[in-house]
Protein backbone atom coordinates (compact mmCIF):
# COMPACT_ATOMS: atom_id res chain seq x y z
CA MET A 1 -48.73 136.35 -19.06
CA ALA A 2 -50.31 136.90 -15.64
CA ARG A 3 -49.07 134.63 -12.89
CA THR A 4 -51.51 131.89 -11.90
CA ILE A 5 -51.95 131.45 -8.13
CA ASN A 6 -52.32 127.93 -6.80
CA LEU A 7 -55.05 128.56 -4.21
CA VAL A 8 -54.38 125.37 -2.24
CA GLU A 9 -50.65 126.05 -2.07
CA HIS A 10 -51.37 129.67 -1.13
CA ALA A 11 -53.67 128.61 1.73
CA VAL A 12 -51.21 126.01 3.03
CA ARG A 13 -48.32 128.48 2.98
CA ARG A 14 -50.43 131.13 4.70
CA ASP A 15 -51.38 128.58 7.36
CA THR A 16 -47.70 127.99 8.20
CA PHE A 17 -47.42 131.62 9.31
CA ILE A 18 -50.56 131.26 11.44
CA ASP A 19 -49.21 128.02 12.96
CA ALA A 20 -45.98 129.80 13.85
CA ALA A 21 -47.85 132.76 15.38
CA LEU A 22 -49.93 130.41 17.53
CA ARG A 23 -46.77 128.78 18.88
CA LEU A 24 -45.01 132.07 19.50
CA ILE A 25 -47.98 133.83 21.11
CA GLN A 26 -48.27 130.92 23.54
CA SER A 27 -44.55 130.76 24.33
CA LYS A 28 -43.60 134.47 24.22
CA GLY A 29 -46.81 136.47 24.22
CA TYR A 30 -48.18 138.58 21.38
CA GLU A 31 -46.48 141.83 22.39
CA GLU A 32 -43.07 140.17 22.66
CA MET A 33 -43.47 138.27 19.39
CA SER A 34 -41.98 140.07 16.40
CA ILE A 35 -42.49 139.52 12.70
CA GLN A 36 -38.85 138.42 12.58
CA ASP A 37 -39.64 135.72 15.15
CA VAL A 38 -42.36 134.43 12.84
CA LEU A 39 -40.00 134.53 9.84
CA ASP A 40 -37.34 132.63 11.76
CA ASP A 41 -39.86 129.99 12.84
CA VAL A 42 -41.20 129.51 9.31
CA GLY A 43 -37.89 129.98 7.53
CA ALA A 44 -39.31 132.63 5.21
CA SER A 45 -38.39 136.08 3.97
CA ARG A 46 -40.03 139.33 5.01
CA GLY A 47 -41.36 139.67 1.47
CA ALA A 48 -43.07 136.28 1.80
CA PHE A 49 -44.76 137.40 5.03
CA TYR A 50 -46.14 140.58 3.44
CA HIS A 51 -47.45 138.52 0.54
CA TYR A 52 -50.00 137.05 2.97
CA PHE A 53 -50.39 139.66 5.73
CA ASP A 54 -50.32 143.45 5.83
CA SER A 55 -49.01 143.68 9.39
CA LYS A 56 -48.54 141.89 12.70
CA THR A 57 -52.09 142.93 13.64
CA ASP A 58 -53.36 141.35 10.42
CA LEU A 59 -51.64 138.12 11.48
CA LEU A 60 -53.33 138.31 14.90
CA GLU A 61 -56.68 138.68 13.16
CA ALA A 62 -55.97 135.53 11.14
CA VAL A 63 -55.04 133.64 14.32
CA LEU A 64 -58.29 134.66 16.00
CA GLU A 65 -60.36 133.84 12.91
CA ARG A 66 -58.94 130.32 12.96
CA LEU A 67 -59.81 129.93 16.64
CA ILE A 68 -63.39 131.08 15.98
CA VAL A 69 -63.84 128.60 13.14
CA GLN A 70 -62.44 125.78 15.28
CA ALA A 71 -64.66 126.67 18.24
CA SER A 72 -67.76 126.87 16.03
CA ALA A 73 -66.95 123.54 14.36
CA SER A 74 -66.58 121.87 17.76
CA LEU A 75 -70.26 122.69 18.49
CA GLU A 76 -71.76 121.33 15.28
CA PRO A 77 -71.98 117.64 16.39
CA LEU A 78 -73.84 118.77 19.51
CA VAL A 79 -76.32 120.87 17.54
CA VAL A 80 -77.30 118.01 15.20
CA ASP A 81 -77.49 115.30 17.89
CA PRO A 82 -81.12 114.03 17.70
CA ALA A 83 -80.93 112.47 21.17
CA LEU A 84 -80.50 115.79 22.99
CA SER A 85 -83.14 118.31 24.00
CA ALA A 86 -82.67 121.98 23.17
CA ALA A 87 -81.94 122.76 26.83
CA ASP A 88 -79.26 120.04 26.93
CA LYS A 89 -77.76 121.32 23.68
CA LEU A 90 -77.61 124.90 24.94
CA SER A 91 -76.06 123.92 28.26
CA GLY A 92 -73.70 121.58 26.41
CA ALA A 93 -72.68 124.36 24.03
CA PHE A 94 -71.61 126.60 26.89
CA THR A 95 -69.84 123.75 28.67
CA GLY A 96 -68.18 122.75 25.42
CA ILE A 97 -66.96 126.27 24.69
CA ALA A 98 -65.58 126.54 28.23
CA ALA A 99 -63.77 123.19 27.88
CA TRP A 100 -62.43 124.20 24.46
CA LYS A 101 -61.02 127.40 25.96
CA LEU A 102 -59.55 125.54 28.93
CA ALA A 103 -57.65 123.23 26.58
CA ARG A 104 -56.05 126.37 25.07
CA ARG A 105 -55.72 128.30 28.32
CA ASP A 106 -52.12 129.52 27.91
CA LEU A 107 -52.70 130.69 24.35
CA LEU A 108 -55.95 132.48 25.18
CA LEU A 109 -54.49 134.15 28.25
CA ALA A 110 -51.65 135.46 26.10
CA VAL A 111 -54.15 136.84 23.59
CA MET A 112 -56.37 138.34 26.31
CA ARG A 113 -53.53 140.53 27.57
CA VAL A 114 -53.55 142.49 24.32
CA TRP A 115 -57.15 141.93 23.21
CA LEU A 116 -58.61 144.98 24.96
CA SER A 117 -55.95 147.47 23.86
CA ASP A 118 -57.04 150.46 21.74
CA GLU A 119 -54.83 149.40 18.84
CA ASN A 120 -56.83 146.17 18.48
CA ALA A 121 -60.26 147.84 18.42
CA ILE A 122 -60.73 147.19 14.69
CA VAL A 123 -59.65 143.56 15.10
CA ARG A 124 -62.12 143.13 17.97
CA GLU A 125 -64.98 144.49 15.87
CA LYS A 126 -64.11 142.27 12.91
CA LEU A 127 -63.93 139.24 15.15
CA ARG A 128 -67.25 140.07 16.80
CA THR A 129 -68.81 140.13 13.36
CA GLY A 130 -67.15 136.87 12.36
CA THR A 131 -68.15 135.14 15.58
CA ALA A 132 -71.77 136.26 15.22
CA ARG A 133 -71.81 135.04 11.63
CA ASN A 134 -70.55 131.58 12.65
CA LEU A 135 -72.55 131.08 15.84
CA THR A 136 -75.93 132.66 15.08
CA PRO A 137 -77.16 129.86 12.74
CA LEU A 138 -76.13 127.21 15.27
CA PHE A 139 -78.00 128.87 18.13
CA ALA A 140 -80.99 129.66 15.92
CA GLU A 141 -81.34 125.93 15.28
CA ILE A 142 -81.16 125.12 19.00
CA ILE A 143 -83.61 127.87 19.92
CA GLY A 144 -86.04 126.74 17.21
CA GLN A 145 -85.93 123.23 18.63
CA GLY A 146 -86.57 124.64 22.11
CA VAL A 147 -89.64 126.51 20.89
CA ALA A 148 -90.97 123.31 19.29
CA GLU A 149 -90.38 121.41 22.55
CA GLY A 150 -92.03 124.14 24.63
CA SER A 151 -88.94 124.87 26.73
CA PHE A 152 -88.30 128.28 25.15
CA ALA A 153 -90.85 131.01 24.46
CA VAL A 154 -89.73 133.37 21.70
CA GLY A 155 -91.39 134.76 18.61
CA SER A 156 -88.55 134.36 16.12
CA PRO A 157 -85.70 131.88 16.75
CA GLY A 158 -83.49 133.62 14.16
CA ASP A 159 -83.92 137.10 15.59
CA THR A 160 -83.58 135.80 19.15
CA ALA A 161 -80.38 133.98 18.19
CA ARG A 162 -78.86 137.26 16.97
CA VAL A 163 -79.69 138.94 20.29
CA PHE A 164 -78.51 135.88 22.21
CA VAL A 165 -75.14 135.76 20.42
CA SER A 166 -74.71 139.52 20.87
CA LEU A 167 -75.14 139.06 24.61
CA MET A 168 -72.72 136.11 24.49
CA LEU A 169 -70.08 138.35 22.93
CA GLY A 170 -70.66 140.93 25.65
CA ALA A 171 -70.32 138.21 28.28
CA ASN A 172 -67.09 137.05 26.70
CA GLU A 173 -65.61 140.55 26.75
CA SER A 174 -66.72 140.98 30.35
CA ALA A 175 -65.15 137.62 31.21
CA THR A 176 -61.89 138.77 29.60
CA GLN A 177 -61.86 141.93 31.71
CA LEU A 178 -62.71 139.96 34.85
CA ALA A 179 -60.03 137.35 34.09
CA LEU A 180 -57.35 140.02 33.80
CA ALA A 181 -58.61 141.73 36.97
CA HIS A 182 -58.56 138.39 38.79
CA GLU A 183 -55.03 137.75 37.56
CA ALA A 184 -54.04 141.17 38.92
CA GLY A 185 -55.66 140.35 42.26
CA THR A 186 -58.32 143.08 42.11
CA VAL A 187 -61.34 140.77 41.64
CA SER A 188 -62.03 137.65 43.69
CA PHE A 189 -63.19 134.38 42.19
CA GLU A 190 -66.55 134.79 43.94
CA GLU A 191 -67.05 138.23 42.37
CA LEU A 192 -66.13 136.79 38.97
CA LEU A 193 -68.56 133.91 39.39
CA ARG A 194 -71.38 136.23 40.48
CA ALA A 195 -70.84 138.60 37.54
CA LEU A 196 -70.89 135.79 34.98
CA GLY A 197 -73.90 134.21 36.68
CA ALA A 198 -75.85 137.41 36.01
CA TYR A 199 -75.39 136.79 32.29
CA GLY A 200 -76.91 133.34 32.77
CA ASP A 201 -80.04 134.92 34.25
CA ALA A 202 -80.24 137.28 31.28
CA PHE A 203 -79.87 134.39 28.79
CA GLU A 204 -82.82 132.58 30.38
CA ARG A 205 -85.00 135.68 30.22
CA ILE A 206 -84.19 136.25 26.54
CA LEU A 207 -85.18 132.66 25.77
CA GLY A 208 -88.27 132.68 27.96
CA ALA A 209 -86.83 129.62 29.72
CA ARG A 210 -87.75 128.50 33.20
CA PRO A 211 -85.31 130.06 35.73
CA GLY A 212 -82.56 127.62 36.65
CA SER A 213 -83.38 125.25 33.78
CA LEU A 214 -80.18 126.02 31.87
CA THR A 215 -76.50 125.83 32.81
CA PHE A 216 -74.37 128.63 31.45
CA VAL A 217 -71.52 128.77 33.96
CA ASP A 218 -69.55 125.64 34.88
CA GLU A 219 -67.99 126.51 38.25
CA GLY A 220 -65.60 123.56 38.05
CA VAL A 221 -64.17 124.71 34.71
CA LEU A 222 -63.96 128.30 35.97
CA ARG A 223 -62.00 127.16 39.01
CA GLU A 224 -59.54 125.38 36.73
CA TRP A 225 -59.14 128.66 34.86
CA PHE A 226 -59.07 131.10 37.72
CA GLY A 227 -59.29 129.37 41.09
């Protein structure tokens, strides 16, 4: 008789490995973390690990997928708030994402140090796809509201949202590169702020919004990160 898998139990057990990886990446860094470290933290065998993950990189992908889902979920109350204009929602979304990242600064910095390596290229592409899939419907709703209010001028909110999120992902990768350069002392905070501000100008043009009507970069939060 074929073995029946308890899906809830399977998901909970898999989550314990992800929980352990999150703790270890933050305390040791991804490169220094070994599969054995994860096994010791969980109290599991190597066979149990490979039941859920193909490799250490596969575990990293699961960690990042969880972070994306959490970040997306944190925006949903903002998107459905009937008291907010589309411009306020969009500015709030960027501020909210920045605050969410700041609350996980040590973890995200540890991930950033390995994120741009060649060996993680496939993971990066998968996560770009996953992020776009989670965020595009949220921003399409905000952009559609903005069109109805007259604050945005686009032909198709859905298509514009896909372009908008694509640019967001590019901005995020640029921010990662700038953050590492700033940490190494090769880029000043002012250069970082100016580079990210250019993305804000591009976002407004894509949306057909009045220049300066939206807030995409919170200098105070950035200073907490990098200042």
